[in-house]
Amino acid sequence: MNDVTVNIEVEVNKTEDTEKIKQAVQNIFGAVTFDAKPKTWGQLLKAQTSGTQGLTKLANMLKRAQILAAARKVLRSGTDETSITFYLNKQVAYAGHVSFSEQTAESPLGPIKIQIITDNPRQLIDWIAPRRLPKRKQKN
């Protein structure tokens, strides 16, 4: 599971603040470096991170929000043999929370697209959104 690459893409419309969009991505994935490509409608920001450390923040947010079952369903639905693809609402990400989105129509300004390349998508999903959290040991 160490061989993990996370590709992030997000469209920035002319009416949006690029720095806020970058902050939305960093709220979910931590510090990443962006590559901006100008487009007629604005620009396309791309970022990449490697290894599970780039997904730790997302995994912790899912656990805190107690949406592991929903996250597992979304992640599994976007899985093929070597990747997991899903979308996040960028306005909610800017607020520091996770809300899964559809590719189109659900978010008027467009979603954040995430594609995780890994040799074992099922194992990675179990790590990001485990079926059950381990019980905490009680102190005596």
N, C-alpha and C. Protein backbone atom coordinates (compact mmCIF):
# COMPACT_ATOMS: atom_id res chain seq x y z
N MET A 1 0.82 -1.21 0.00
CA MET A 1 0.00 0.00 0.00
C MET A 1 0.86 1.27 0.00
N ASN A 2 2.19 1.10 0.10
CA ASN A 2 3.06 2.27 0.08
C ASN A 2 3.15 2.92 -1.28
N ASP A 3 2.84 2.18 -2.33
CA ASP A 3 2.91 2.71 -3.68
C ASP A 3 1.57 3.38 -4.02
N VAL A 4 1.41 4.61 -3.51
CA VAL A 4 0.16 5.35 -3.68
C VAL A 4 0.48 6.72 -4.27
N THR A 5 -0.25 7.09 -5.31
CA THR A 5 -0.13 8.43 -5.90
C THR A 5 -1.51 9.06 -5.90
N VAL A 6 -1.60 10.27 -5.38
CA VAL A 6 -2.87 10.99 -5.32
C VAL A 6 -2.79 12.16 -6.30
N ASN A 7 -3.64 12.12 -7.33
CA ASN A 7 -3.74 13.21 -8.31
C ASN A 7 -4.97 14.04 -8.00
N ILE A 8 -4.80 15.34 -7.91
CA ILE A 8 -5.88 16.25 -7.56
C ILE A 8 -6.03 17.27 -8.68
N GLU A 9 -7.27 17.47 -9.14
CA GLU A 9 -7.56 18.48 -10.15
C GLU A 9 -8.76 19.29 -9.71
N VAL A 10 -8.68 20.59 -9.94
CA VAL A 10 -9.83 21.45 -9.62
C VAL A 10 -9.85 22.63 -10.59
N GLU A 11 -11.03 22.88 -11.11
CA GLU A 11 -11.21 24.03 -12.00
C GLU A 11 -11.41 25.28 -11.15
N VAL A 12 -10.75 26.35 -11.56
CA VAL A 12 -10.92 27.64 -10.90
C VAL A 12 -11.58 28.57 -11.92
N ASN A 13 -12.82 28.91 -11.64
CA ASN A 13 -13.55 29.81 -12.53
C ASN A 13 -13.04 31.24 -12.36
N LYS A 14 -13.28 32.07 -13.35
CA LYS A 14 -12.81 33.46 -13.31
C LYS A 14 -13.36 34.22 -12.11
N THR A 15 -14.52 33.81 -11.60
CA THR A 15 -15.14 34.50 -10.47
C THR A 15 -14.62 34.00 -9.11
N GLU A 16 -13.75 33.00 -9.12
CA GLU A 16 -13.26 32.42 -7.87
C GLU A 16 -11.85 32.92 -7.54
N ASP A 17 -11.54 32.91 -6.25
CA ASP A 17 -10.23 33.29 -5.75
C ASP A 17 -9.32 32.05 -5.75
N THR A 18 -8.28 32.07 -6.55
CA THR A 18 -7.37 30.93 -6.68
C THR A 18 -6.78 30.52 -5.33
N GLU A 19 -6.43 31.47 -4.50
CA GLU A 19 -5.84 31.15 -3.20
C GLU A 19 -6.83 30.42 -2.30
N LYS A 20 -8.10 30.75 -2.40
CA LYS A 20 -9.11 30.05 -1.61
C LYS A 20 -9.30 28.62 -2.09
N ILE A 21 -9.19 28.41 -3.38
CA ILE A 21 -9.31 27.06 -3.93
C ILE A 21 -8.11 26.23 -3.50
N LYS A 22 -6.93 26.83 -3.53
CA LYS A 22 -5.74 26.12 -3.05
C LYS A 22 -5.89 25.77 -1.58
N GLN A 23 -6.42 26.69 -0.79
CA GLN A 23 -6.63 26.43 0.63
C GLN A 23 -7.62 25.29 0.84
N ALA A 24 -8.67 25.23 0.02
CA ALA A 24 -9.66 24.15 0.12
C ALA A 24 -8.98 22.79 -0.06
N VAL A 25 -8.11 22.69 -1.06
CA VAL A 25 -7.40 21.43 -1.32
C VAL A 25 -6.46 21.11 -0.16
N GLN A 26 -5.74 22.10 0.32
CA GLN A 26 -4.80 21.87 1.41
C GLN A 26 -5.51 21.54 2.72
N ASN A 27 -6.73 22.00 2.89
CA ASN A 27 -7.50 21.63 4.08
C ASN A 27 -7.75 20.13 4.13
N ILE A 28 -7.83 19.49 2.98
CA ILE A 28 -8.12 18.06 2.90
C ILE A 28 -6.85 17.21 2.78
N PHE A 29 -5.85 17.70 2.04
CA PHE A 29 -4.68 16.89 1.72
C PHE A 29 -3.37 17.40 2.29
N GLY A 30 -3.40 18.50 3.02
CA GLY A 30 -2.16 19.04 3.56
C GLY A 30 -1.40 19.83 2.52
N ALA A 31 -0.14 20.06 2.79
CA ALA A 31 0.69 20.88 1.90
C ALA A 31 0.96 20.14 0.59
N VAL A 32 0.52 20.72 -0.50
CA VAL A 32 0.78 20.20 -1.83
C VAL A 32 1.24 21.35 -2.72
N THR A 33 1.96 21.03 -3.77
CA THR A 33 2.42 22.03 -4.73
C THR A 33 1.48 22.00 -5.92
N PHE A 34 1.10 23.18 -6.38
CA PHE A 34 0.12 23.28 -7.47
C PHE A 34 0.79 23.65 -8.78
N ASP A 35 0.20 23.14 -9.84
CA ASP A 35 0.57 23.51 -11.20
C ASP A 35 -0.69 24.09 -11.83
N ALA A 36 -0.63 25.33 -12.30
CA ALA A 36 -1.81 26.00 -12.87
C ALA A 36 -1.69 26.04 -14.39
N LYS A 37 -2.78 25.66 -15.05
CA LYS A 37 -2.84 25.73 -16.51
C LYS A 37 -3.99 26.66 -16.88
N PRO A 38 -3.70 27.75 -17.61
CA PRO A 38 -4.76 28.66 -18.01
C PRO A 38 -5.74 28.01 -18.99
N LYS A 39 -7.00 28.29 -18.80
CA LYS A 39 -8.07 27.80 -19.68
C LYS A 39 -8.96 28.99 -20.05
N THR A 40 -9.81 28.83 -21.04
CA THR A 40 -10.67 29.94 -21.45
C THR A 40 -11.66 30.33 -20.36
N TRP A 41 -12.07 29.38 -19.53
CA TRP A 41 -13.04 29.64 -18.48
C TRP A 41 -12.40 30.01 -17.15
N GLY A 42 -11.07 30.02 -17.08
CA GLY A 42 -10.34 30.30 -15.84
C GLY A 42 -9.02 29.57 -15.86
N GLN A 43 -8.83 28.66 -14.92
CA GLN A 43 -7.61 27.85 -14.92
C GLN A 43 -7.88 26.49 -14.27
N LEU A 44 -6.99 25.56 -14.57
CA LEU A 44 -7.06 24.23 -14.00
C LEU A 44 -5.87 24.07 -13.07
N LEU A 45 -6.16 23.83 -11.80
CA LEU A 45 -5.10 23.57 -10.83
C LEU A 45 -4.92 22.06 -10.71
N LYS A 46 -3.66 21.64 -10.74
CA LYS A 46 -3.34 20.24 -10.54
C LYS A 46 -2.33 20.14 -9.40
N ALA A 47 -2.49 19.10 -8.59
CA ALA A 47 -1.55 18.85 -7.50
C ALA A 47 -1.38 17.35 -7.39
N GLN A 48 -0.28 16.93 -6.78
CA GLN A 48 -0.03 15.50 -6.61
C GLN A 48 0.69 15.29 -5.29
N THR A 49 0.37 14.19 -4.65
CA THR A 49 1.09 13.77 -3.45
C THR A 49 1.28 12.27 -3.53
N SER A 50 2.26 11.77 -2.82
CA SER A 50 2.57 10.34 -2.87
C SER A 50 2.52 9.73 -1.48
N GLY A 51 2.22 8.44 -1.44
CA GLY A 51 2.18 7.72 -0.18
C GLY A 51 0.91 8.01 0.61
N THR A 52 0.73 7.25 1.66
CA THR A 52 -0.48 7.41 2.47
C THR A 52 -0.45 8.68 3.31
N GLN A 53 0.71 9.29 3.52
CA GLN A 53 0.76 10.52 4.32
C GLN A 53 -0.08 11.62 3.69
N GLY A 54 -0.22 11.62 2.37
CA GLY A 54 -1.05 12.62 1.70
C GLY A 54 -2.54 12.39 1.90
N LEU A 55 -2.89 11.21 2.42
CA LEU A 55 -4.30 10.88 2.66
C LEU A 55 -4.66 10.86 4.14
N THR A 56 -3.67 11.05 5.01
CA THR A 56 -3.90 10.97 6.45
C THR A 56 -4.91 12.01 6.92
N LYS A 57 -4.79 13.21 6.43
CA LYS A 57 -5.71 14.28 6.84
C LYS A 57 -7.15 13.94 6.44
N LEU A 58 -7.33 13.46 5.20
CA LEU A 58 -8.65 13.05 4.74
C LEU A 58 -9.21 11.93 5.61
N ALA A 59 -8.40 10.90 5.88
CA ALA A 59 -8.85 9.77 6.70
C ALA A 59 -9.27 10.25 8.09
N ASN A 60 -8.51 11.14 8.69
CA ASN A 60 -8.85 11.66 10.02
C ASN A 60 -10.14 12.48 9.99
N MET A 61 -10.34 13.24 8.93
CA MET A 61 -11.56 14.04 8.81
C MET A 61 -12.80 13.15 8.69
N LEU A 62 -12.67 12.06 7.93
CA LEU A 62 -13.79 11.13 7.78
C LEU A 62 -14.14 10.48 9.12
N LYS A 63 -13.14 10.13 9.89
CA LYS A 63 -13.38 9.52 11.21
C LYS A 63 -14.04 10.52 12.15
N ARG A 64 -13.52 11.74 12.19
CA ARG A 64 -14.11 12.77 13.08
C ARG A 64 -15.55 13.08 12.71
N ALA A 65 -15.83 13.13 11.41
CA ALA A 65 -17.18 13.44 10.95
C ALA A 65 -18.12 12.24 11.06
N GLN A 66 -17.55 11.10 11.38
CA GLN A 66 -18.32 9.86 11.54
C GLN A 66 -19.12 9.51 10.29
N ILE A 67 -18.44 9.60 9.14
CA ILE A 67 -19.09 9.27 7.86
C ILE A 67 -18.33 8.16 7.14
N LEU A 68 -17.80 7.22 7.92
CA LEU A 68 -16.99 6.16 7.34
C LEU A 68 -17.79 5.26 6.40
N ALA A 69 -19.01 4.89 6.79
CA ALA A 69 -19.83 4.00 5.94
C ALA A 69 -20.15 4.68 4.61
N ALA A 70 -20.53 5.94 4.67
CA ALA A 70 -20.82 6.68 3.44
C ALA A 70 -19.56 6.84 2.59
N ALA A 71 -18.44 7.11 3.24
CA ALA A 71 -17.18 7.26 2.52
C ALA A 71 -16.80 5.95 1.83
N ARG A 72 -16.94 4.84 2.53
CA ARG A 72 -16.63 3.53 1.92
C ARG A 72 -17.47 3.31 0.67
N LYS A 73 -18.74 3.65 0.75
CA LYS A 73 -19.64 3.44 -0.39
C LYS A 73 -19.19 4.28 -1.60
N VAL A 74 -18.89 5.55 -1.35
CA VAL A 74 -18.45 6.43 -2.44
C VAL A 74 -17.12 5.96 -3.01
N LEU A 75 -16.17 5.63 -2.15
CA LEU A 75 -14.86 5.20 -2.62
C LEU A 75 -14.95 3.89 -3.41
N ARG A 76 -15.74 2.96 -2.92
CA ARG A 76 -15.89 1.69 -3.63
C ARG A 76 -16.55 1.88 -5.00
N SER A 77 -17.50 2.81 -5.08
CA SER A 77 -18.19 3.03 -6.36
C SER A 77 -17.27 3.64 -7.41
N GLY A 78 -16.19 4.27 -7.00
CA GLY A 78 -15.25 4.86 -7.95
C GLY A 78 -13.98 4.06 -8.13
N THR A 79 -14.05 2.77 -7.80
CA THR A 79 -12.86 1.93 -7.83
C THR A 79 -12.79 1.07 -9.08
N ASP A 80 -11.58 0.97 -9.64
CA ASP A 80 -11.32 -0.04 -10.66
C ASP A 80 -10.10 -0.84 -10.18
N GLU A 81 -9.43 -1.55 -11.05
CA GLU A 81 -8.35 -2.43 -10.61
C GLU A 81 -7.14 -1.72 -10.02
N THR A 82 -6.89 -0.48 -10.45
CA THR A 82 -5.69 0.21 -9.97
C THR A 82 -5.93 1.63 -9.47
N SER A 83 -7.19 2.03 -9.35
CA SER A 83 -7.41 3.41 -8.92
C SER A 83 -8.76 3.59 -8.22
N ILE A 84 -8.84 4.72 -7.51
CA ILE A 84 -10.07 5.16 -6.86
C ILE A 84 -10.28 6.60 -7.31
N THR A 85 -11.44 6.90 -7.86
CA THR A 85 -11.75 8.26 -8.29
C THR A 85 -12.99 8.74 -7.58
N PHE A 86 -12.93 9.95 -7.02
CA PHE A 86 -14.09 10.53 -6.36
C PHE A 86 -13.99 12.05 -6.42
N TYR A 87 -15.06 12.70 -6.01
CA TYR A 87 -15.17 14.16 -6.11
C TYR A 87 -15.58 14.73 -4.76
N LEU A 88 -15.02 15.90 -4.43
CA LEU A 88 -15.37 16.60 -3.20
C LEU A 88 -15.89 17.99 -3.51
N ASN A 89 -16.80 18.46 -2.71
CA ASN A 89 -17.33 19.81 -2.85
C ASN A 89 -16.27 20.80 -2.39
N LYS A 90 -15.87 21.72 -3.27
CA LYS A 90 -14.76 22.60 -2.92
C LYS A 90 -15.15 23.69 -1.92
N GLN A 91 -16.41 24.11 -1.91
CA GLN A 91 -16.84 25.10 -0.92
C GLN A 91 -16.79 24.52 0.49
N VAL A 92 -17.24 23.28 0.62
CA VAL A 92 -17.21 22.60 1.92
C VAL A 92 -15.75 22.34 2.34
N ALA A 93 -14.91 21.96 1.39
CA ALA A 93 -13.49 21.73 1.67
C ALA A 93 -12.83 23.01 2.17
N TYR A 94 -13.21 24.14 1.61
CA TYR A 94 -12.65 25.41 2.06
C TYR A 94 -13.01 25.67 3.53
N ALA A 95 -14.19 25.20 3.94
CA ALA A 95 -14.63 25.36 5.34
C ALA A 95 -13.97 24.31 6.25
N GLY A 96 -13.17 23.41 5.68
CA GLY A 96 -12.45 22.43 6.47
C GLY A 96 -13.21 21.16 6.75
N HIS A 97 -14.17 20.83 5.91
CA HIS A 97 -14.96 19.62 6.08
C HIS A 97 -14.96 18.82 4.79
N VAL A 98 -15.49 17.59 4.86
CA VAL A 98 -15.55 16.71 3.71
C VAL A 98 -17.00 16.51 3.30
N SER A 99 -17.30 16.74 2.04
CA SER A 99 -18.61 16.44 1.47
C SER A 99 -18.37 15.89 0.08
N PHE A 100 -18.76 14.64 -0.11
CA PHE A 100 -18.59 14.03 -1.42
C PHE A 100 -19.57 14.65 -2.39
N SER A 101 -19.18 14.68 -3.66
CA SER A 101 -19.95 15.36 -4.69
C SER A 101 -20.00 14.48 -5.93
N GLU A 102 -20.90 14.81 -6.80
CA GLU A 102 -20.94 14.17 -8.12
C GLU A 102 -19.98 14.92 -9.03
N GLN A 103 -19.68 14.33 -10.16
CA GLN A 103 -18.76 14.95 -11.10
C GLN A 103 -19.32 16.25 -11.67
N THR A 104 -20.61 16.28 -11.96
CA THR A 104 -21.22 17.47 -12.54
C THR A 104 -22.56 17.75 -11.87
N ALA A 105 -23.05 18.93 -12.05
CA ALA A 105 -24.40 19.37 -11.70
C ALA A 105 -24.63 19.60 -10.21
N GLU A 106 -23.96 18.89 -9.31
CA GLU A 106 -24.25 19.04 -7.89
C GLU A 106 -23.66 20.32 -7.31
N SER A 107 -22.50 20.69 -7.77
CA SER A 107 -21.81 21.88 -7.27
C SER A 107 -21.70 22.88 -8.42
N PRO A 108 -22.34 24.03 -8.32
CA PRO A 108 -22.35 24.96 -9.45
C PRO A 108 -20.96 25.45 -9.89
N LEU A 109 -20.01 25.46 -8.96
CA LEU A 109 -18.67 25.92 -9.32
C LEU A 109 -17.74 24.76 -9.65
N GLY A 110 -18.25 23.55 -9.60
CA GLY A 110 -17.44 22.38 -9.92
C GLY A 110 -16.78 21.79 -8.69
N PRO A 111 -16.51 20.48 -8.74
CA PRO A 111 -15.91 19.78 -7.60
C PRO A 111 -14.39 19.72 -7.69
N ILE A 112 -13.81 19.18 -6.64
CA ILE A 112 -12.40 18.79 -6.63
C ILE A 112 -12.36 17.32 -7.05
N LYS A 113 -11.60 17.01 -8.08
CA LYS A 113 -11.49 15.62 -8.55
C LYS A 113 -10.23 14.99 -7.94
N ILE A 114 -10.42 13.81 -7.35
CA ILE A 114 -9.30 13.10 -6.77
C ILE A 114 -9.21 11.73 -7.43
N GLN A 115 -8.03 11.38 -7.89
CA GLN A 115 -7.78 10.04 -8.41
C GLN A 115 -6.58 9.48 -7.66
N ILE A 116 -6.81 8.36 -6.98
CA ILE A 116 -5.75 7.71 -6.22
C ILE A 116 -5.33 6.47 -7.01
N ILE A 117 -4.06 6.42 -7.36
CA ILE A 117 -3.50 5.28 -8.07
C ILE A 117 -2.80 4.39 -7.04
N THR A 118 -3.20 3.12 -6.99
CA THR A 118 -2.62 2.19 -6.03
C THR A 118 -2.75 0.77 -6.56
N ASP A 119 -1.86 -0.10 -6.12
CA ASP A 119 -1.92 -1.49 -6.55
C ASP A 119 -3.01 -2.28 -5.83
N ASN A 120 -3.55 -1.75 -4.72
CA ASN A 120 -4.57 -2.46 -3.97
C ASN A 120 -5.64 -1.48 -3.47
N PRO A 121 -6.57 -1.07 -4.34
CA PRO A 121 -7.58 -0.08 -3.94
C PRO A 121 -8.42 -0.51 -2.74
N ARG A 122 -8.79 -1.77 -2.66
CA ARG A 122 -9.63 -2.26 -1.55
C ARG A 122 -8.92 -2.10 -0.21
N GLN A 123 -7.65 -2.43 -0.16
CA GLN A 123 -6.88 -2.29 1.07
C GLN A 123 -6.76 -0.81 1.46
N LEU A 124 -6.56 0.05 0.48
CA LEU A 124 -6.45 1.47 0.77
C LEU A 124 -7.78 2.02 1.30
N ILE A 125 -8.90 1.60 0.74
CA ILE A 125 -10.21 2.03 1.24
C ILE A 125 -10.38 1.58 2.69
N ASP A 126 -9.95 0.35 3.00
CA ASP A 126 -10.04 -0.13 4.38
C ASP A 126 -9.20 0.73 5.33
N TRP A 127 -8.12 1.29 4.83
CA TRP A 127 -7.28 2.16 5.66
C TRP A 127 -7.90 3.56 5.79
N ILE A 128 -8.38 4.13 4.68
CA ILE A 128 -8.96 5.47 4.71
C ILE A 128 -10.25 5.49 5.52
N ALA A 129 -11.10 4.51 5.27
CA ALA A 129 -12.42 4.46 5.91
C ALA A 129 -12.68 3.04 6.43
N PRO A 130 -12.08 2.71 7.58
CA PRO A 130 -12.24 1.36 8.10
C PRO A 130 -13.69 1.04 8.44
N ARG A 131 -14.01 -0.25 8.36
CA ARG A 131 -15.38 -0.68 8.70
C ARG A 131 -15.72 -0.33 10.13
N ARG A 132 -14.80 -0.58 11.02
CA ARG A 132 -15.00 -0.25 12.44
C ARG A 132 -13.71 0.35 12.97
N LEU A 133 -13.89 1.37 13.78
CA LEU A 133 -12.72 1.96 14.43
C LEU A 133 -12.32 1.08 15.60
N PRO A 134 -11.03 0.95 15.88
CA PRO A 134 -10.62 0.18 17.04
C PRO A 134 -11.14 0.85 18.32
N LYS A 135 -11.56 0.04 19.26
CA LYS A 135 -12.06 0.59 20.52
C LYS A 135 -10.90 1.13 21.33
N ARG A 136 -11.16 2.24 21.99
CA ARG A 136 -10.15 2.83 22.85
C ARG A 136 -10.05 2.04 24.15
N LYS A 137 -8.84 1.89 24.62
CA LYS A 137 -8.66 1.21 25.91
C LYS A 137 -9.02 2.19 27.01
N GLN A 138 -9.80 1.72 27.95
CA GLN A 138 -10.19 2.56 29.08
C GLN A 138 -9.11 2.51 30.14
N LYS A 139 -8.86 3.67 30.73
CA LYS A 139 -7.87 3.74 31.83
C LYS A 139 -8.57 3.35 33.12
N ASN A 140 -7.85 2.59 33.92
CA ASN A 140 -8.41 2.17 35.22
C ASN A 140 -8.16 3.18 36.28
